[in-house]
Amino acid sequence: QLVESGGGLVQAGGSLRLSCAASGFTFDDYAIGWFRQAPGKEREGFSCISTSDGKIYYTESVKGRFTISRGNAKNTIYLQMNSLNPEDAAVYYCAADPAYWKCGPYYLESSDYDYWGQGTQVTVSS
């Protein structure tokens, strides 16, 4: 089970840190992805981390503003989001898959990940 937290309301230009916690297992040798879905839009994958080799990937839409990292407890993945703008408003989901190599531009479809959290809402006011 995955549980996201940390969402909320923030002003444009502000920051939030999302957490994705695994329950019942650790993130050893997993690919962890972050996705988001805005109203009326498809779910979009934008970042991932491989806990096996540390590979990290960002799409251009978030590169330089968002940072994905793994917590010391090894069952938590963080997403630090800076310089938020109204276009970043969405429900944010983390997802995990034991195919740890699935981190990169070709593995950002929802179908690439087996385990999903319930999502956390991020609202950005202008």
C-alpha atoms as a PDB file:
ATOM      1  CA  GLN A   1       0.000   0.000   0.000  1.00  0.00           C
ATOM      2  CA  LEU A   2       1.203   3.495  -0.859  1.00  0.00           C
ATOM      3  CA  VAL A   3       0.088   6.621   0.951  1.00  0.00           C
ATOM      4  CA  GLU A   4       0.723  10.134  -0.320  1.00  0.00           C
ATOM      5  CA  SER A   5       0.667  13.176   1.905  1.00  0.00           C
ATOM      6  CA  GLY A   6       1.746  16.789   1.889  1.00  0.00           C
ATOM      7  CA  GLY A   7      -0.662  18.286  -0.583  1.00  0.00           C
ATOM      8  CA  GLY A   8      -2.497  21.510   0.059  1.00  0.00           C
ATOM      9  CA  LEU A   9      -3.076  25.062  -1.056  1.00  0.00           C
ATOM     10  CA  VAL A  10      -0.109  27.243  -1.929  1.00  0.00           C
ATOM     11  CA  GLN A  11       0.341  30.566  -3.661  1.00  0.00           C
ATOM     12  CA  ALA A  12       2.028  30.765  -7.023  1.00  0.00           C
ATOM     13  CA  GLY A  13       5.771  30.732  -6.525  1.00  0.00           C
ATOM     14  CA  GLY A  14       5.478  28.734  -3.343  1.00  0.00           C
ATOM     15  CA  SER A  15       6.670  25.270  -2.392  1.00  0.00           C
ATOM     16  CA  LEU A  16       5.288  21.993  -1.136  1.00  0.00           C
ATOM     17  CA  ARG A  17       6.872  18.694  -0.245  1.00  0.00           C
ATOM     18  CA  LEU A  18       4.916  15.553  -0.981  1.00  0.00           C
ATOM     19  CA  SER A  19       5.628  12.229   0.651  1.00  0.00           C
ATOM     20  CA  CYS A  20       4.934   8.728  -0.579  1.00  0.00           C
ATOM     21  CA  ALA A  21       5.103   6.108   2.131  1.00  0.00           C
ATOM     22  CA  ALA A  22       5.087   2.371   1.593  1.00  0.00           C
ATOM     23  CA  SER A  23       3.222   0.240   4.066  1.00  0.00           C
ATOM     24  CA  GLY A  24       4.199  -3.382   4.485  1.00  0.00           C
ATOM     25  CA  PHE A  25       7.316  -3.232   2.349  1.00  0.00           C
ATOM     26  CA  THR A  26      10.342  -1.083   1.645  1.00  0.00           C
ATOM     27  CA  PHE A  27      11.251   0.599  -1.587  1.00  0.00           C
ATOM     28  CA  ASP A  28      14.368  -1.524  -2.122  1.00  0.00           C
ATOM     29  CA  ASP A  29      14.813  -2.244  -5.830  1.00  0.00           C
ATOM     30  CA  TYR A  30      11.699  -0.476  -7.019  1.00  0.00           C
ATOM     31  CA  ALA A  31      10.897   2.135  -9.596  1.00  0.00           C
ATOM     32  CA  ILE A  32       8.865   4.907  -7.982  1.00  0.00           C
ATOM     33  CA  GLY A  33       7.024   7.329 -10.193  1.00  0.00           C
ATOM     34  CA  TRP A  34       5.152  10.525  -9.569  1.00  0.00           C
ATOM     35  CA  PHE A  35       2.087  11.307 -11.639  1.00  0.00           C
ATOM     36  CA  ARG A  36      -0.466  14.057 -11.606  1.00  0.00           C
ATOM     37  CA  GLN A  37      -3.927  14.521 -13.028  1.00  0.00           C
ATOM     38  CA  ALA A  38      -5.644  17.861 -13.484  1.00  0.00           C
ATOM     39  CA  PRO A  39      -9.403  18.109 -14.045  1.00  0.00           C
ATOM     40  CA  GLY A  40     -10.330  17.133 -17.576  1.00  0.00           C
ATOM     41  CA  LYS A  41      -6.806  15.978 -18.392  1.00  0.00           C
ATOM     42  CA  GLU A  42      -5.093  12.632 -18.623  1.00  0.00           C
ATOM     43  CA  ARG A  43      -2.826  11.405 -15.877  1.00  0.00           C
ATOM     44  CA  GLU A  44       0.699  12.617 -16.550  1.00  0.00           C
ATOM     45  CA  GLY A  45       3.897  10.969 -15.366  1.00  0.00           C
ATOM     46  CA  PHE A  46       6.622  13.511 -14.716  1.00  0.00           C
ATOM     47  CA  SER A  47       9.302  12.061 -12.450  1.00  0.00           C
ATOM     48  CA  CYS A  48      10.714   8.769 -11.281  1.00  0.00           C
ATOM     49  CA  ILE A  49      13.498   7.272  -9.234  1.00  0.00           C
ATOM     50  CA  SER A  50      15.038   3.836  -9.279  1.00  0.00           C
ATOM     51  CA  THR A  51      15.949   2.791  -5.765  1.00  0.00           C
ATOM     52  CA  SER A  52      18.302   0.169  -7.162  1.00  0.00           C
ATOM     53  CA  ASP A  53      20.752   2.387  -9.018  1.00  0.00           C
ATOM     54  CA  GLY A  54      19.560   5.853  -8.007  1.00  0.00           C
ATOM     55  CA  LYS A  55      18.563   6.840 -11.505  1.00  0.00           C
ATOM     56  CA  ILE A  56      16.295   9.865 -11.561  1.00  0.00           C
ATOM     57  CA  TYR A  57      14.276  11.337 -14.372  1.00  0.00           C
ATOM     58  CA  TYR A  58      12.188  14.477 -14.809  1.00  0.00           C
ATOM     59  CA  THR A  59      10.128  15.686 -17.701  1.00  0.00           C
ATOM     60  CA  GLU A  60      10.832  19.162 -18.985  1.00  0.00           C
ATOM     61  CA  SER A  61       7.663  20.480 -17.390  1.00  0.00           C
ATOM     62  CA  VAL A  62       9.117  20.066 -13.885  1.00  0.00           C
ATOM     63  CA  LYS A  63      12.875  19.853 -14.383  1.00  0.00           C
ATOM     64  CA  GLY A  64      14.693  22.411 -12.274  1.00  0.00           C
ATOM     65  CA  ARG A  65      11.678  22.999 -10.033  1.00  0.00           C
ATOM     66  CA  PHE A  66      10.882  19.556  -8.611  1.00  0.00           C
ATOM     67  CA  THR A  67      13.243  17.193  -6.800  1.00  0.00           C
ATOM     68  CA  ILE A  68      12.580  13.530  -6.099  1.00  0.00           C
ATOM     69  CA  SER A  69      14.466  11.829  -3.300  1.00  0.00           C
ATOM     70  CA  ARG A  70      14.417   8.845  -1.005  1.00  0.00           C
ATOM     71  CA  GLY A  71      14.151   9.145   2.722  1.00  0.00           C
ATOM     72  CA  ASN A  72      16.568   7.575   5.154  1.00  0.00           C
ATOM     73  CA  ALA A  73      13.886   5.179   6.334  1.00  0.00           C
ATOM     74  CA  LYS A  74      13.882   3.645   2.836  1.00  0.00           C
ATOM     75  CA  ASN A  75      10.130   3.300   2.765  1.00  0.00           C
ATOM     76  CA  THR A  76       9.448   6.918   1.874  1.00  0.00           C
ATOM     77  CA  ILE A  77       9.942   8.869  -1.329  1.00  0.00           C
ATOM     78  CA  TYR A  78       9.737  12.652  -1.329  1.00  0.00           C
ATOM     79  CA  LEU A  79       8.852  15.157  -4.006  1.00  0.00           C
ATOM     80  CA  GLN A  80      10.018  18.682  -3.270  1.00  0.00           C
ATOM     81  CA  MET A  81       8.103  21.115  -5.478  1.00  0.00           C
ATOM     82  CA  ASN A  82       9.346  24.673  -5.809  1.00  0.00           C
ATOM     83  CA  SER A  83       8.234  27.630  -7.917  1.00  0.00           C
ATOM     84  CA  LEU A  84       4.753  26.205  -8.212  1.00  0.00           C
ATOM     85  CA  ASN A  85       2.408  27.766 -10.737  1.00  0.00           C
ATOM     86  CA  PRO A  86      -1.315  27.311 -11.367  1.00  0.00           C
ATOM     87  CA  GLU A  87      -0.556  24.805 -14.136  1.00  0.00           C
ATOM     88  CA  ASP A  88       0.881  22.489 -11.473  1.00  0.00           C
ATOM     89  CA  ALA A  89      -2.479  22.187  -9.722  1.00  0.00           C
ATOM     90  CA  ALA A  90      -3.639  18.576  -9.827  1.00  0.00           C
ATOM     91  CA  VAL A  91      -4.100  15.429  -7.820  1.00  0.00           C
ATOM     92  CA  TYR A  92      -0.645  13.967  -7.327  1.00  0.00           C
ATOM     93  CA  TYR A  93      -0.081  10.225  -7.193  1.00  0.00           C
ATOM     94  CA  CYS A  94       2.914   8.089  -6.440  1.00  0.00           C
ATOM     95  CA  ALA A  95       3.273   4.674  -7.986  1.00  0.00           C
ATOM     96  CA  ALA A  96       5.688   1.809  -7.540  1.00  0.00           C
ATOM     97  CA  ASP A  97       6.812  -1.172  -9.559  1.00  0.00           C
ATOM     98  CA  PRO A  98       9.314  -3.905  -8.691  1.00  0.00           C
ATOM     99  CA  ALA A  99      10.796  -3.591 -12.172  1.00  0.00           C
ATOM    100  CA  TYR A 100      13.322  -1.112 -10.828  1.00  0.00           C
ATOM    101  CA  TRP A 101      14.694  -0.285 -14.287  1.00  0.00           C
ATOM    102  CA  LYS A 102      11.423   1.385 -15.206  1.00  0.00           C
ATOM    103  CA  CYS A 103      12.643   4.911 -14.663  1.00  0.00           C
ATOM    104  CA  GLY A 104      13.045   7.014 -17.733  1.00  0.00           C
ATOM    105  CA  PRO A 105      11.204   8.737 -20.540  1.00  0.00           C
ATOM    106  CA  TYR A 106       9.761   5.463 -21.836  1.00  0.00           C
ATOM    107  CA  TYR A 107       8.187   4.396 -18.545  1.00  0.00           C
ATOM    108  CA  LEU A 108       5.833   7.211 -17.668  1.00  0.00           C
ATOM    109  CA  GLU A 109       2.549   5.557 -18.524  1.00  0.00           C
ATOM    110  CA  SER A 110       0.165   4.537 -15.765  1.00  0.00           C
ATOM    111  CA  SER A 111       0.297   0.968 -17.033  1.00  0.00           C
ATOM    112  CA  ASP A 112       4.015   0.801 -16.241  1.00  0.00           C
ATOM    113  CA  TYR A 113       3.357   0.748 -12.502  1.00  0.00           C
ATOM    114  CA  ASP A 114       1.551  -1.876 -10.446  1.00  0.00           C
ATOM    115  CA  TYR A 115       1.027  -0.142  -7.102  1.00  0.00           C
ATOM    116  CA  TRP A 116      -0.662   3.212  -6.567  1.00  0.00           C
ATOM    117  CA  GLY A 117      -1.493   5.582  -3.783  1.00  0.00           C
ATOM    118  CA  GLN A 118      -4.811   7.327  -3.352  1.00  0.00           C
ATOM    119  CA  GLY A 119      -3.529  10.735  -4.406  1.00  0.00           C
ATOM    120  CA  THR A 120      -3.100  14.079  -2.707  1.00  0.00           C
ATOM    121  CA  GLN A 121      -4.540  17.365  -3.949  1.00  0.00           C
ATOM    122  CA  VAL A 122      -2.252  20.263  -4.824  1.00  0.00           C
ATOM    123  CA  THR A 123      -3.927  23.614  -5.397  1.00  0.00           C
ATOM    124  CA  VAL A 124      -1.971  26.660  -6.562  1.00  0.00           C
ATOM    125  CA  SER A 125      -3.567  30.083  -6.343  1.00  0.00           C
ATOM    126  CA  SER A 126      -2.510  32.841  -8.704  1.00  0.00           C
END
